[in-house]
C-alpha atoms as a PDB file:
ATOM      1  CA  MET A   1      62.447-104.407  90.409  1.00  0.00           C
ATOM      2  CA  SER A   2      59.562-102.499  88.844  1.00  0.00           C
ATOM      3  CA  PRO A   3      56.552-101.588  91.000  1.00  0.00           C
ATOM      4  CA  GLY A   4      54.236-103.584  88.728  1.00  0.00           C
ATOM      5  CA  LEU A   5      56.300-106.753  89.085  1.00  0.00           C
ATOM      6  CA  ALA A   6      56.572-106.314  92.855  1.00  0.00           C
ATOM      7  CA  SER A   7      52.803-105.853  93.083  1.00  0.00           C
ATOM      8  CA  THR A   8      52.221-109.006  91.034  1.00  0.00           C
ATOM      9  CA  MET A   9      54.578-111.025  93.238  1.00  0.00           C
ATOM     10  CA  ARG A  10      52.871-109.760  96.401  1.00  0.00           C
ATOM     11  CA  LEU A  11      49.511-110.786  94.913  1.00  0.00           C
ATOM     12  CA  GLU A  12      50.815-114.278  94.123  1.00  0.00           C
ATOM     13  CA  ARG A  13      52.180-114.667  97.648  1.00  0.00           C
ATOM     14  CA  GLY A  14      48.877-113.498  99.079  1.00  0.00           C
ATOM     15  CA  ARG A  15      47.021-116.078  97.014  1.00  0.00           C
ATOM     16  CA  ARG A  16      49.372-118.857  98.125  1.00  0.00           C
ATOM     17  CA  ALA A  17      48.934-117.813 101.758  1.00  0.00           C
ATOM     18  CA  SER A  18      45.134-117.808 101.393  1.00  0.00           C
ATOM     19  CA  LEU A  19      45.234-121.227  99.736  1.00  0.00           C
ATOM     20  CA  ALA A  20      47.413-122.682 102.508  1.00  0.00           C
ATOM     21  CA  ILE A  21      45.123-121.310 105.247  1.00  0.00           C
ATOM     22  CA  THR A  22      41.992-122.547 103.468  1.00  0.00           C
ATOM     23  CA  LEU A  23      43.397-126.057 103.014  1.00  0.00           C
ATOM     24  CA  ASN A  24      44.516-126.122 106.641  1.00  0.00           C
ATOM     25  CA  PHE A  25      41.106-125.265 108.072  1.00  0.00           C
ATOM     26  CA  VAL A  26      39.316-127.623 105.663  1.00  0.00           C
ATOM     27  CA  ALA A  27      41.640-130.396 106.847  1.00  0.00           C
ATOM     28  CA  PHE A  28      40.940-129.490 110.484  1.00  0.00           C
ATOM     29  CA  ALA A  29      37.172-129.535 109.924  1.00  0.00           C
ATOM     30  CA  PHE A  30      37.369-132.928 108.179  1.00  0.00           C
ATOM     31  CA  ALA A  31      39.588-134.393 110.908  1.00  0.00           C
ATOM     32  CA  LEU A  32      37.393-133.103 113.742  1.00  0.00           C
ATOM     33  CA  SER A  33      34.261-134.474 112.042  1.00  0.00           C
ATOM     34  CA  ALA A  34      35.893-137.867 111.500  1.00  0.00           C
ATOM     35  CA  VAL A  35      37.195-138.236 115.061  1.00  0.00           C
ATOM     36  CA  THR A  36      33.921-137.219 116.723  1.00  0.00           C
ATOM     37  CA  THR A  37      31.702-139.527 114.629  1.00  0.00           C
ATOM     38  CA  ASN A  38      31.325-143.305 114.728  1.00  0.00           C
ATOM     39  CA  TYR A  39      31.108-144.114 111.030  1.00  0.00           C
ATOM     40  CA  TRP A  40      34.680-145.165 110.245  1.00  0.00           C
ATOM     41  CA  CYS A  41      33.425-148.685 109.484  1.00  0.00           C
ATOM     42  CA  GLU A  42      29.929-150.097 109.112  1.00  0.00           C
ATOM     43  CA  GLY A  43      28.384-153.425 108.216  1.00  0.00           C
ATOM     44  CA  THR A  44      26.000-156.135 109.413  1.00  0.00           C
ATOM     45  CA  ARG A  45      25.980-158.852 112.066  1.00  0.00           C
ATOM     46  CA  LYS A  46      24.122-162.132 111.695  1.00  0.00           C
ATOM     47  CA  VAL A  47      22.331-162.924 114.965  1.00  0.00           C
ATOM     48  CA  PRO A  48      19.532-165.368 115.894  1.00  0.00           C
ATOM     49  CA  LYS A  49      16.119-163.780 116.151  1.00  0.00           C
ATOM     50  CA  PRO A  50      14.986-163.364 119.774  1.00  0.00           C
ATOM     51  CA  PHE A  51      11.643-164.740 120.922  1.00  0.00           C
ATOM     52  CA  CYS A  52       8.792-162.279 120.790  1.00  0.00           C
ATOM     53  CA  THR A  53       7.396-161.070 124.085  1.00  0.00           C
ATOM     54  CA  GLY A  54       4.080-159.521 124.972  1.00  0.00           C
ATOM     55  CA  PRO A  55       0.574-160.228 123.688  1.00  0.00           C
ATOM     56  CA  PRO A  56       0.067-161.419 120.086  1.00  0.00           C
ATOM     57  CA  VAL A  57      -0.322-158.774 117.413  1.00  0.00           C
ATOM     58  CA  LYS A  58      -2.087-158.930 114.067  1.00  0.00           C
ATOM     59  CA  VAL A  59       0.972-157.824 112.092  1.00  0.00           C
ATOM     60  CA  LYS A  60       3.816-160.328 111.982  1.00  0.00           C
ATOM     61  CA  GLN A  61       6.916-159.150 113.786  1.00  0.00           C
ATOM     62  CA  TRP A  62       9.737-159.950 111.400  1.00  0.00           C
ATOM     63  CA  PHE A  63      12.522-159.164 113.877  1.00  0.00           C
ATOM     64  CA  CYS A  64      11.563-161.854 116.418  1.00  0.00           C
ATOM     65  CA  ILE A  65      10.146-165.419 116.582  1.00  0.00           C
ATOM     66  CA  ARG A  66       6.695-166.064 118.033  1.00  0.00           C
ATOM     67  CA  PHE A  67       5.392-169.474 119.063  1.00  0.00           C
ATOM     68  CA  ASN A  68       2.079-170.793 117.835  1.00  0.00           C
ATOM     69  CA  SER A  69       0.616-170.149 121.262  1.00  0.00           C
ATOM     70  CA  SER A  70       1.027-167.299 123.660  1.00  0.00           C
ATOM     71  CA  ASN A  71       0.497-169.575 126.677  1.00  0.00           C
ATOM     72  CA  LEU A  72       4.107-170.552 127.287  1.00  0.00           C
ATOM     73  CA  ASN A  73       3.384-171.837 130.792  1.00  0.00           C
ATOM     74  CA  ASP A  74       1.067-174.582 129.587  1.00  0.00           C
ATOM     75  CA  SER A  75       3.307-177.633 129.132  1.00  0.00           C
ATOM     76  CA  ARG A  76       0.465-179.614 127.531  1.00  0.00           C
ATOM     77  CA  LEU A  77       0.606-177.456 124.411  1.00  0.00           C
ATOM     78  CA  VAL A  78       3.038-178.256 121.664  1.00  0.00           C
ATOM     79  CA  GLN A  79       5.022-175.145 120.824  1.00  0.00           C
ATOM     80  CA  TYR A  80       6.437-174.789 117.359  1.00  0.00           C
ATOM     81  CA  ILE A  81       7.669-172.018 115.128  1.00  0.00           C
ATOM     82  CA  PHE A  82       7.219-171.333 111.444  1.00  0.00           C
ATOM     83  CA  GLU A  83      10.628-169.842 110.733  1.00  0.00           C
ATOM     84  CA  THR A  84      13.184-172.136 109.085  1.00  0.00           C
ATOM     85  CA  GLY A  85      16.714-171.759 107.775  1.00  0.00           C
ATOM     86  CA  GLU A  86      17.793-168.174 107.296  1.00  0.00           C
ATOM     87  CA  GLU A  87      14.439-166.926 108.575  1.00  0.00           C
ATOM     88  CA  LYS A  88      15.639-167.715 112.092  1.00  0.00           C
ATOM     89  CA  PHE A  89      18.463-165.166 111.751  1.00  0.00           C
ATOM     90  CA  LEU A  90      18.536-161.427 111.613  1.00  0.00           C
ATOM     91  CA  LEU A  91      21.050-159.017 110.043  1.00  0.00           C
ATOM     92  CA  ARG A  92      21.640-156.093 112.359  1.00  0.00           C
ATOM     93  CA  LYS A  93      23.476-153.025 111.140  1.00  0.00           C
ATOM     94  CA  PHE A  94      26.389-151.613 113.087  1.00  0.00           C
ATOM     95  CA  HIS A  95      28.838-148.731 112.757  1.00  0.00           C
ATOM     96  CA  THR A  96      32.124-148.158 114.550  1.00  0.00           C
ATOM     97  CA  GLY A  97      34.380-145.206 115.307  1.00  0.00           C
ATOM     98  CA  ILE A  98      37.543-144.668 117.293  1.00  0.00           C
ATOM     99  CA  PHE A  99      35.674-144.388 120.601  1.00  0.00           C
ATOM    100  CA  PHE A 100      32.359-146.256 120.246  1.00  0.00           C
ATOM    101  CA  SER A 101      30.739-149.112 118.337  1.00  0.00           C
ATOM    102  CA  CYS A 102      26.963-148.975 117.883  1.00  0.00           C
ATOM    103  CA  GLU A 103      24.586-151.802 116.880  1.00  0.00           C
ATOM    104  CA  GLN A 104      20.886-151.863 116.147  1.00  0.00           C
ATOM    105  CA  ALA A 105      18.690-152.692 119.118  1.00  0.00           C
ATOM    106  CA  ALA A 106      16.760-155.977 119.416  1.00  0.00           C
ATOM    107  CA  ASP A 107      13.547-154.350 118.168  1.00  0.00           C
ATOM    108  CA  MET A 108      15.488-152.695 115.291  1.00  0.00           C
ATOM    109  CA  ASN A 109      14.651-149.235 116.650  1.00  0.00           C
ATOM    110  CA  GLY A 110      17.667-147.134 117.495  1.00  0.00           C
ATOM    111  CA  PHE A 111      21.231-148.191 118.310  1.00  0.00           C
ATOM    112  CA  ASN A 112      22.957-149.494 121.400  1.00  0.00           C
ATOM    113  CA  CYS A 113      26.547-148.286 121.754  1.00  0.00           C
ATOM    114  CA  ARG A 114      29.487-149.562 123.767  1.00  0.00           C
ATOM    115  CA  ASP A 115      33.106-148.554 124.186  1.00  0.00           C
ATOM    116  CA  PHE A 116      35.291-149.748 121.315  1.00  0.00           C
ATOM    117  CA  SER A 117      38.138-150.444 123.760  1.00  0.00           C
ATOM    118  CA  GLU A 118      35.981-153.272 125.188  1.00  0.00           C
ATOM    119  CA  ILE A 119      35.744-154.829 121.717  1.00  0.00           C
ATOM    120  CA  ALA A 120      39.405-154.576 120.739  1.00  0.00           C
ATOM    121  CA  PRO A 121      41.528-157.626 121.662  1.00  0.00           C
ATOM    122  CA  GLU A 122      42.944-157.185 125.145  1.00  0.00           C
ATOM    123  CA  HIS A 123      46.575-157.650 124.092  1.00  0.00           C
ATOM    124  CA  GLU A 124      46.157-155.085 121.269  1.00  0.00           C
ATOM    125  CA  ARG A 125      44.487-152.265 123.188  1.00  0.00           C
ATOM    126  CA  GLY A 126      47.773-150.409 123.405  1.00  0.00           C
ATOM    127  CA  VAL A 127      47.565-149.866 119.638  1.00  0.00           C
ATOM    128  CA  LEU A 128      44.134-148.298 120.098  1.00  0.00           C
ATOM    129  CA  TRP A 129      45.442-145.886 122.741  1.00  0.00           C
ATOM    130  CA  LEU A 130      48.377-144.971 120.487  1.00  0.00           C
ATOM    131  CA  CYS A 131      45.843-144.296 117.731  1.00  0.00           C
ATOM    132  CA  ILE A 132      43.896-141.950 120.033  1.00  0.00           C
ATOM    133  CA  VAL A 133      47.088-140.133 121.078  1.00  0.00           C
ATOM    134  CA  ALA A 134      48.192-139.775 117.433  1.00  0.00           C
ATOM    135  CA  GLU A 135      44.781-138.396 116.439  1.00  0.00           C
ATOM    136  CA  SER A 136      44.975-135.864 119.290  1.00  0.00           C
ATOM    137  CA  LEU A 137      48.445-134.768 118.154  1.00  0.00           C
ATOM    138  CA  TYR A 138      47.151-134.536 114.591  1.00  0.00           C
ATOM    139  CA  LEU A 139      44.370-132.147 115.567  1.00  0.00           C
ATOM    140  CA  THR A 140      46.627-130.102 117.877  1.00  0.00           C
ATOM    141  CA  LEU A 141      49.452-129.630 115.367  1.00  0.00           C
ATOM    142  CA  LEU A 142      47.016-128.960 112.534  1.00  0.00           C
ATOM    143  CA  PHE A 143      45.270-126.240 114.512  1.00  0.00           C
ATOM    144  CA  THR A 144      48.640-124.765 115.576  1.00  0.00           C
ATOM    145  CA  GLY A 145      49.802-124.615 111.951  1.00  0.00           C
ATOM    146  CA  GLY A 146      46.604-122.850 110.899  1.00  0.00           C
ATOM    147  CA  ALA A 147      46.887-120.375 113.761  1.00  0.00           C
ATOM    148  CA  LEU A 148      50.488-119.548 112.796  1.00  0.00           C
ATOM    149  CA  MET A 149      49.501-119.080 109.147  1.00  0.00           C
ATOM    150  CA  THR A 150      46.749-116.688 110.212  1.00  0.00           C
ATOM    151  CA  LEU A 151      49.078-114.834 112.593  1.00  0.00           C
ATOM    152  CA  GLU A 152      51.608-114.444 109.785  1.00  0.00           C
ATOM    153  CA  GLN A 153      49.155-112.244 107.886  1.00  0.00           C
ATOM    154  CA  CYS A 154      49.252-109.633 110.660  1.00  0.00           C
ATOM    155  CA  PRO A 155      50.773-106.456 109.136  1.00  0.00           C
ATOM    156  CA  SER A 156      52.515-105.461 112.373  1.00  0.00           C
ATOM    157  CA  PHE A 157      55.183-108.177 112.018  1.00  0.00           C
ATOM    158  CA  SER A 158      58.451-107.566 110.230  1.00  0.00           C
ATOM    159  CA  ILE A 159      59.548-109.590 107.223  1.00  0.00           C
ATOM    160  CA  MET A 160      61.933-111.698 109.322  1.00  0.00           C
ATOM    161  CA  ASN A 161      59.255-112.555 111.876  1.00  0.00           C
ATOM    162  CA  LYS A 162      56.851-113.448 109.091  1.00  0.00           C
ATOM    163  CA  LEU A 163      59.403-115.804 107.581  1.00  0.00           C
ATOM    164  CA  LYS A 164      59.886-117.496 110.958  1.00  0.00           C
ATOM    165  CA  LEU A 165      56.129-117.891 111.417  1.00  0.00           C
ATOM    166  CA  SER A 166      55.828-119.290 107.901  1.00  0.00           C
ATOM    167  CA  ALA A 167      58.561-121.854 108.581  1.00  0.00           C
ATOM    168  CA  PHE A 168      57.007-122.985 111.881  1.00  0.00           C
ATOM    169  CA  ALA A 169      53.545-123.168 110.277  1.00  0.00           C
ATOM    170  CA  ALA A 170      54.809-125.377 107.446  1.00  0.00           C
ATOM    171  CA  MET A 171      56.664-127.616 109.913  1.00  0.00           C
ATOM    172  CA  CYS A 172      53.662-128.023 112.250  1.00  0.00           C
ATOM    173  CA  THR A 173      51.325-128.790 109.355  1.00  0.00           C
ATOM    174  CA  ALA A 174      53.681-131.379 107.856  1.00  0.00           C
ATOM    175  CA  LEU A 175      54.191-133.074 111.241  1.00  0.00           C
ATOM    176  CA  SER A 176      50.437-133.138 111.830  1.00  0.00           C
ATOM    177  CA  GLY A 177      49.960-134.892 108.486  1.00  0.00           C
ATOM    178  CA  LEU A 178      52.444-137.595 109.490  1.00  0.00           C
ATOM    179  CA  CYS A 179      50.675-138.097 112.843  1.00  0.00           C
ATOM    180  CA  GLY A 180      47.326-138.317 111.072  1.00  0.00           C
ATOM    181  CA  MET A 181      48.586-140.935 108.624  1.00  0.00           C
ATOM    182  CA  VAL A 182      49.974-143.079 111.462  1.00  0.00           C
ATOM    183  CA  ALA A 183      46.728-142.736 113.456  1.00  0.00           C
ATOM    184  CA  HIS A 184      44.530-143.773 110.519  1.00  0.00           C
ATOM    185  CA  MET A 185      46.700-146.801 109.788  1.00  0.00           C
ATOM    186  CA  MET A 186      46.623-147.804 113.460  1.00  0.00           C
ATOM    187  CA  PHE A 187      42.827-147.692 113.526  1.00  0.00           C
ATOM    188  CA  THR A 188      42.662-149.820 110.375  1.00  0.00           C
ATOM    189  CA  THR A 189      44.930-152.377 112.042  1.00  0.00           C
ATOM    190  CA  ILE A 190      43.041-152.503 115.349  1.00  0.00           C
ATOM    191  CA  PHE A 191      39.659-152.791 113.642  1.00  0.00           C
ATOM    192  CA  GLN A 192      40.780-155.696 111.470  1.00  0.00           C
ATOM    193  CA  LEU A 193      42.182-157.415 114.576  1.00  0.00           C
ATOM    194  CA  ALA A 194      38.847-156.869 116.335  1.00  0.00           C
ATOM    195  CA  VAL A 195      37.000-158.439 113.389  1.00  0.00           C
ATOM    196  CA  ALA A 196      39.228-161.509 113.529  1.00  0.00           C
ATOM    197  CA  MET A 197      39.763-161.834 117.292  1.00  0.00           C
ATOM    198  CA  GLY A 198      37.045-159.753 118.928  1.00  0.00           C
ATOM    199  CA  PRO A 199      34.169-161.046 121.095  1.00  0.00           C
ATOM    200  CA  GLU A 200      31.738-163.477 119.480  1.00  0.00           C
ATOM    201  CA  ASP A 201      28.751-161.225 120.179  1.00  0.00           C
ATOM    202  CA  TRP A 202      30.287-158.461 118.076  1.00  0.00           C
ATOM    203  CA  ARG A 203      32.096-160.010 115.096  1.00  0.00           C
ATOM    204  CA  PRO A 204      30.474-158.758 111.890  1.00  0.00           C
ATOM    205  CA  LYS A 205      29.316-160.851 108.950  1.00  0.00           C
ATOM    206  CA  THR A 206      30.061-158.095 106.405  1.00  0.00           C
ATOM    207  CA  TRP A 207      31.765-154.727 106.819  1.00  0.00           C
ATOM    208  CA  ASP A 208      33.336-151.905 104.851  1.00  0.00           C
ATOM    209  CA  TYR A 209      34.816-148.458 105.434  1.00  0.00           C
ATOM    210  CA  SER A 210      32.334-145.610 105.777  1.00  0.00           C
ATOM    211  CA  TRP A 211      32.211-141.852 105.268  1.00  0.00           C
ATOM    212  CA  SER A 212      34.095-140.912 108.462  1.00  0.00           C
ATOM    213  CA  TYR A 213      37.052-142.962 107.237  1.00  0.00           C
ATOM    214  CA  VAL A 214      36.899-141.140 103.891  1.00  0.00           C
ATOM    215  CA  LEU A 215      36.803-137.799 105.732  1.00  0.00           C
ATOM    216  CA  ALA A 216      39.858-138.805 107.773  1.00  0.00           C
ATOM    217  CA  TRP A 217      41.971-139.573 104.709  1.00  0.00           C
ATOM    218  CA  GLY A 218      40.578-136.542 102.888  1.00  0.00           C
ATOM    219  CA  SER A 219      41.739-134.469 105.863  1.00  0.00           C
ATOM    220  CA  PHE A 220      45.208-135.998 105.545  1.00  0.00           C
ATOM    221  CA  GLY A 221      45.343-135.118 101.838  1.00  0.00           C
ATOM    222  CA  THR A 222      44.286-131.496 102.320  1.00  0.00           C
ATOM    223  CA  CYS A 223      46.657-131.199 105.294  1.00  0.00           C
ATOM    224  CA  MET A 224      49.643-132.248 103.191  1.00  0.00           C
ATOM    225  CA  GLY A 225      48.474-129.899 100.434  1.00  0.00           C
ATOM    226  CA  SER A 226      48.464-127.046 102.943  1.00  0.00           C
ATOM    227  CA  ALA A 227      51.941-128.015 104.190  1.00  0.00           C
ATOM    228  CA  VAL A 228      53.364-128.142 100.664  1.00  0.00           C
ATOM    229  CA  THR A 229      51.792-124.785  99.790  1.00  0.00           C
ATOM    230  CA  ALA A 230      53.148-123.139 102.952  1.00  0.00           C
ATOM    231  CA  LEU A 231      56.618-124.616 102.403  1.00  0.00           C
ATOM    232  CA  ASN A 232      56.600-123.540  98.753  1.00  0.00           C
ATOM    233  CA  ARG A 233      55.638-120.003  99.782  1.00  0.00           C
ATOM    234  CA  TYR A 234      58.404-119.875 102.401  1.00  0.00           C
ATOM    235  CA  THR A 235      61.040-121.251 100.018  1.00  0.00           C
ATOM    236  CA  LYS A 236      60.065-118.931  97.188  1.00  0.00           C
ATOM    237  CA  THR A 237      60.128-115.920  99.490  1.00  0.00           C
ATOM    238  CA  ILE A 238      63.612-116.841 100.712  1.00  0.00           C
ATOM    239  CA  ILE A 239      64.875-117.264  97.139  1.00  0.00           C
ATOM    240  CA  GLU A 240      63.402-113.923  96.059  1.00  0.00           C
ATOM    241  CA  PHE A 241      64.827-112.271  99.154  1.00  0.00           C
ATOM    242  CA  LYS A 242      68.340-113.603  98.465  1.00  0.00           C
ATOM    243  CA  TYR A 243      68.025-112.601  94.806  1.00  0.00           C
ATOM    244  CA  LYS A 244      67.080-109.060  95.804  1.00  0.00           C
ATOM    245  CA  ARG A 245      69.954-108.919  98.285  1.00  0.00           C
ATOM    246  CA  ARG A 246      72.444-110.091  95.651  1.00  0.00           C
ATOM    247  CA  ASN A 247      71.170-107.489  93.198  1.00  0.00           C
ATOM    248  CA  ILE A 248      71.514-104.740  95.806  1.00  0.00           C
ATOM    249  CA  GLU A 249      75.073-105.746  96.658  1.00  0.00           C
ATOM    250  CA  LYS A 250      75.988-106.067  92.988  1.00  0.00           C
ATOM    251  CA  SER A 251      74.507-102.678  92.114  1.00  0.00           C
ATOM    252  CA  LEU A 252      76.288-100.934  94.965  1.00  0.00           C
ATOM    253  CA  THR A 253      79.597-102.594  94.048  1.00  0.00           C
ATOM    254  CA  ILE A 254      79.320-101.456  90.441  1.00  0.00           C
ATOM    255  CA  LYS A 255      78.301 -97.981  91.585  1.00  0.00           C
ATOM    256  CA  GLN A 256      81.388 -97.786  93.797  1.00  0.00           C
ATOM    257  CA  MET A 257      83.615 -98.904  90.926  1.00  0.00           C
ATOM    258  CA  VAL A 258      82.137 -96.234  88.654  1.00  0.00           C
ATOM    259  CA  ILE A 259      82.808 -93.560  91.285  1.00  0.00           C
ATOM    260  CA  GLU A 260      86.375 -94.699  91.970  1.00  0.00           C
ATOM    261  CA  LEU A 261      87.281 -94.907  88.266  1.00  0.00           C
ATOM    262  CA  ASP A 262      85.817 -91.448  87.726  1.00  0.00           C
ATOM    263  CA  LEU A 263      83.817 -92.663  84.779  1.00  0.00           C
ATOM    264  CA  PRO A 264      81.037 -90.566  83.310  1.00  0.00           C
ATOM    265  CA  GLU A 265      77.579 -90.899  84.843  1.00  0.00           C
ATOM    266  CA  GLN A 266      76.317 -92.417  81.585  1.00  0.00           C
ATOM    267  CA  MET A 267      78.197 -95.603  82.455  1.00  0.00           C
ATOM    268  CA  TRP A 268      75.992 -96.054  85.512  1.00  0.00           C
ATOM    269  CA  ASP A 269      72.879 -95.418  83.418  1.00  0.00           C
ATOM    270  CA  MET A 270      74.120 -97.970  80.897  1.00  0.00           C
ATOM    271  CA  TYR A 271      74.543-100.531  83.654  1.00  0.00           C
ATOM    272  CA  LEU A 272      70.978-100.011  84.806  1.00  0.00           C
ATOM    273  CA  THR A 273      69.463-100.309  81.332  1.00  0.00           C
ATOM    274  CA  ALA A 274      71.751-102.648  79.385  1.00  0.00           C
ATOM    275  CA  VAL A 275      72.849-106.227  79.955  1.00  0.00           C
ATOM    276  CA  PRO A 276      74.796-106.322  83.238  1.00  0.00           C
ATOM    277  CA  ALA A 277      77.342-108.875  81.949  1.00  0.00           C
ATOM    278  CA  ASP A 278      78.407-106.589  79.077  1.00  0.00           C
ATOM    279  CA  VAL A 279      78.881-103.627  81.358  1.00  0.00           C
ATOM    280  CA  GLU A 280      80.872-105.654  83.832  1.00  0.00           C
ATOM    281  CA  ALA A 281      83.154-106.811  81.008  1.00  0.00           C
ATOM    282  CA  GLN A 282      83.754-103.187  80.032  1.00  0.00           C
ATOM    283  CA  LEU A 283      84.505-102.255  83.641  1.00  0.00           C
ATOM    284  CA  ASP A 284      87.061-105.054  83.907  1.00  0.00           C
ATOM    285  CA  LEU A 285      89.087-103.820  80.932  1.00  0.00           C
ATOM    286  CA  PRO A 286      92.581-102.399  81.699  1.00  0.00           C
ATOM    287  CA  VAL A 287      92.988 -98.651  81.849  1.00  0.00           C
ATOM    288  CA  ASN A 288      96.218 -97.386  80.199  1.00  0.00           C
ATOM    289  CA  GLY A 289      97.593-100.920  80.325  1.00  0.00           C
ATOM    290  CA  HIS A 290      96.938-101.378  84.041  1.00  0.00           C
ATOM    291  CA  GLU A 291      94.056-103.080  85.781  1.00  0.00           C
ATOM    292  CA  PRO A 292      92.050-100.630  87.804  1.00  0.00           C
ATOM    293  CA  SER A 293      92.173-100.970  91.543  1.00  0.00           C
ATOM    294  CA  THR A 294      89.052-102.315  93.145  1.00  0.00           C
ATOM    295  CA  GLY A 295      89.405 -99.741  95.886  1.00  0.00           C
ATOM    296  CA  THR A 296      88.055 -99.988  99.380  1.00  0.00           C
ATOM    297  CA  THR A 297      85.443-102.681  99.930  1.00  0.00           C
ATOM    298  CA  TYR A 298      81.973-101.194 100.294  1.00  0.00           C
ATOM    299  CA  VAL A 299      80.328-102.263 103.533  1.00  0.00           C
ATOM    300  CA  LEU A 300      76.587-102.869 103.207  1.00  0.00           C
ATOM    301  CA  GLU A 301      74.337-102.514 106.213  1.00  0.00           C
ATOM    302  CA  VAL A 302      72.306-105.643 105.588  1.00  0.00           C
ATOM    303  CA  ASP A 303      70.295-106.049 108.752  1.00  0.00           C
ATOM    304  CA  SER A 304      68.207-102.892 108.529  1.00  0.00           C
ATOM    305  CA  GLY A 305      68.392-102.481 104.761  1.00  0.00           C
ATOM    306  CA  LEU A 306      67.120-105.947 103.951  1.00  0.00           C
ATOM    307  CA  GLU A 307      64.086-105.571 106.159  1.00  0.00           C
ATOM    308  CA  GLN A 308      63.185-102.336 104.367  1.00  0.00           C
ATOM    309  CA  GLN A 309      63.711-103.901 100.952  1.00  0.00           C
ATOM    310  CA  GLY A 310      61.938-107.081 102.062  1.00  0.00           C
ATOM    311  CA  GLU A 311      58.721-105.194 102.753  1.00  0.00           C
ATOM    312  CA  GLU A 312      58.210-105.186  98.976  1.00  0.00           C
ATOM    313  CA  TYR A 313      57.707-108.956  99.126  1.00  0.00           C
ATOM    314  CA  CYS A 314      55.196-109.369 101.886  1.00  0.00           C
END
């Protein structure tokens, strides 16, 4: 293999390794952001407006209902309200994550949060805990795969150790993607069950998936992209390594045959420059009506030789 071709192949492998590491850490950042935020789903709840408290104000408070008189203790006064129909209800925004569900406060300032496990149906809470465990495995395996990919770039490792690290990195990243997919689907299931069977004081009127949910599935996509890239790099390296080994063994076998047949040195030069199949056909021709003996089998020291030759690929 020419030095220019070997350099080009090393550059391509380096680019694939950089791409796999970049995709892995992007996926980890997306997943960590999604799990630690509470915007997987968001929507509105329709609730009755509470009665206003405190002294009357000049500006009408649209988030509560005020009687015509502030003297509620006087039973002689007729109390009535002006709000009718939909004016007596209020749409409060809410957003939910894996751990917490937050809803706008009564005065529409800020959010009040509570544990999502309290909202999930009691007989389905096991699915929620499985979702949390799967998300934890997703983050752990994803980080492990990225760490192995980074460790693989250390120049102190031999080619064989790098191949092992590459294989483990691809496996961890692929397994993390499967765990992430299962976790996301579990959360979708438990949230829809909570909407249908959850407590009355939480059930939303309208809801949809939010940006944390998009980040979670985007993390899954980039994770699988990283796994495919790492696996492709490992497979291609193995194929190139076996191809180089076969070429070495073939070249040494032909060299041994040339020496044993006492052929001129130009035959060896022809083999290196011409089409190998043509040269092999010439070497297989009978000599003086007899097939040449193959001679003693040449033993190739593969273990140490392959590592030295393999350094050209990493």
